[in-house]
């Protein structure tokens, strides 16, 4: 048993000498007698290990002398126990052991020798050829061949070692290096202090009933099988744990690892558990014999890379999967074994280990390790003692229903940045594709390109070139696409197969070295993208409207990989922005090929957004190729047509008189999980007259709502809330008929806040879900016993086209029916139509409606919460920090913003005011912009106080970003404004700014908070900057 008082201060070499005296026969490892597995295995005891270490320490002293300056001494050998022997012998003789990977390139070796100041290199006989090659690169390097393990086991006198932990805590024990996935490898020094955290980790407290995922069910003496490698921390960890905790290790013969070798080793050694990289498990699970062998183990632990979902699901049926997490720099992170087998792919951190999952956008979270009062728990702060927190760059997604469970989604290093600035992490996609039997490895590429592409390295033992591998793998690619971001999806035409005999370079963990993919297979990648110019669709011979419709339908269906009706919205069906651009290019190419004399300036992405059905798009193409621009519906005709369509059947009900209510009691709230929606919900919950709130959202929202409330510092007491999945454009909102009917009997207030924010889509794309949904709420009110009052959260975009010379000097707080005042953009146009539906329902049927035209929503006034980091202002600030300059103006834009929490309170005040008002207006409009206007210039001091920046003109600031050609992933992360350059150019040109002031009299009369609203100031700006943590 370990001395509890010494745990965390035990030096490996000292501990070994102590154990050799007290427990000499304890098994340390089980190793193969020879490279031939049929020769059997032999146990290495603690006494054997101590003999080998003392022998090797004496050998180093004799041949090199002891080091007085802690020099670096390198070793390269067979994948056996001598790696551990070498580390401890170096410790006794004053050296720090350096363990380079034998897979390094010559360039990497020379780089590592230089930065580690290595001038002496020991090696095993198995590496003579490699050392001869290295000797030619570094003739000055002293190189010595060490004895065999059998020679070392003869032993010698105990080599003295009298170091104490307090004096050597920060001394380097050994040096490993990063895997070089994204460039030249970087040395990672591992100190005695780092070792102390591994020593303590075996004794960390866990919540009741929980166990460590990397040791579940293991007791002292239980054998764990590992392939190493022992120049990597994952392999060394098993040897270190054997010494610290008495859990011995079984090793493989030093031969290329195959399924047969793995199966034979399990049969010979009968381990209780195995720890290995996922690439090995994937090969094992593809073989019935391999899967059968793994089923004899109590558990299998893996780490270093993700495991294919298909393989993990299969393996979890026959044994317990334990998911390990760690890195060379940080060591092994303490995760807990899953409670149920189905959660094998998720990590759950031991709360004692103290981790922080910080949101980074797009549903991903970065694992961050905060520094504690001391360095007893986290190895990373021994590796980097100057840090106050460690950002791992490891990205995760949260479990959809189980808080605290996290699935690995990749690394920032893996992120691919397309030429349009869109970025995505391809790791999850690659693992899904690698789950196919014929795929050995998959690599998604596309850095700096227009779209993503895929390279496949076949599993040659499975694929005999008897079929089209792309067709075979395509279902797996489709499955990967389903879970991928829209702009990261793979098209079938962008898949290539590596020729036989060519392979991806891999790290010791079995992962693809992404940096080398582009250089090693550049011509193959270029050929994939060169196809963009040559792949052309041909128009049908007959270009009547029916033939064109069939052609367009075929083209769109190919992109969606499913059939679509001529009347269906192609964006609702799933067409994304990348596919839209590609569709425009295909249509342009087809028209240009057949009718080179025709202008194709109308066939653009924006026109596709404006004509989002097969029928409409076919008409656009038909009129283009026949030179007919007349007959197309104007913007005004489209808007007015939608207004007529959704108001024509509103009944005239003179008896639908408003029953005045002093307060709202039963409320429907849509869009509650968004930023404004969350604060509105919180404000409603603080109103004790509100008895019940139905939150209607398009997906299961309860967990997301709770998480959002916690992040914003709001009280997640949802006792009075019922969350319902709804589809607003469907009958009864897609709810059960009985539930819908019951709601019509009690609901007295509807707050309709849900609306898709997309400034690319044309108005037609908002019709089915949103415009139709608005009419559904009118129907609900008409059916409701309480004559429910509809409160519609609209936008100042509905008056963004107001011209003070033709329309008047100010924008009144009244319903407007002139569609010329609407900003020419589908989002604003759709909300204008919704406002008109409200107005007509109030006129004809007496439905009580209130319209809230909301301006710029700012961050909260509280310390918790944050202005969405992806929006234009946070993006501007982060980019300003990176370029060292901040725009001195926002063009004609004034700062009339309202903080989001304040805005929610104003809205609930206005709702209450409408309930208690004696006004006879059935349709009322409020404008929500800050009456206390200030300028951007007044807020710049907050940015200057936080970062080293100097004011510059907006135009020169934009030019700085425009000057960055082919921005890298690091560029886009540091300067995210690169992705929004068109927006900032629009700010410079004054696009979207209101040139006419909003009237606010009615709004201020109805809301005391609005009347007291102060201008945005430096303190508030500083609060947002602190929340962003750029």
Foldseek 3Di string as FASTA:
>chain_A
DDDPVCQLWDFLLNLLVVCCVVPFAQFAAKEAPALDCVSAIDTQTSVLLQQLLQLVLVVCCVPPNADPVQAEEEEEEFQDPVLVSVLSSNLLRRHAYEYEDLLDDLVLVVVVCVVRVAQEYEYEPVCPVVVVVNCVVPVRRHYYYDDDSVVSSVGDPRRDDDDTRVVFLLPFSYWAWAQLLAHRIDIFTFGSSLLSQLSCLVVDDFPPPWDWLVQPPDAAPAEEEEADRSSFLQRVSQSSCCSNGNHHYYYFNRDPDALVSVLSSCVRPVGQEYEAFQLRLLRLQVDPSSLVSLLSHQEYEYEDAAHQPVSLVSSLVRHAYRYWYDGRQWHTFTWIGDPDSVLNQWTFHGVSLAWDFDDDDPQKTWIKRADDPDCSNTSNCSRVVVDRMDGPQWIWHADPPDPRITGTDAGLSQWAQALLRDIWHCRNLFSLLCSDQQFSGKDWDHRHHLAIAIETETPCVPDVVPDDVLVVSVVSLVVSQVPTDQRHRYASLRYYYDDPPDDFDAGPSRHGSRNCCCVVCVVVNVVSVVVLVVDEDAQDPDLDLVSLLVSLQVLLCSVLVHGDDQPDFSVVSPQDPSNLQSSLVRLVRNLCVVPVPFDSPCSGSLNCLQQGGSNSVSVVSSCRSVVHPPPDDDPVRVLVVLLCVLQVPQAFAPPLAADFDLDFAEEEEEPLLDLLNVLLVLLLVVPVNHQAYEYEYQDPCLVSSVVQCVQQVGDSPQPRYDYDHFQLLDALRPDDPVVSLVCLARGAEYEYEDADDDQRHAQVVRVRRHLSSLSNVLVSLVSHPNSHAYEYEAACQQQLQPDCVPRHQAAEFDQDDDSNRHARTNRNSSRNSSSSSQVSSCVRHVRAYEYEHEYAEAAAQDLGGAGPCLDDPVLQLLQQQVVQEHEQFLAPAWQQYDYSSLQSNLVSLLVSLVSNPPDPDSYTGAYHTQPAIHGPNQQVVLSVVVHRHYYDHLVVSLVVLVPDPSDGSVSCVRRVCNSVSVVSVCSNVVPSHRPHYYDHVVSVVRGVSSVVDHTDHNVSVNSNCVNVVD
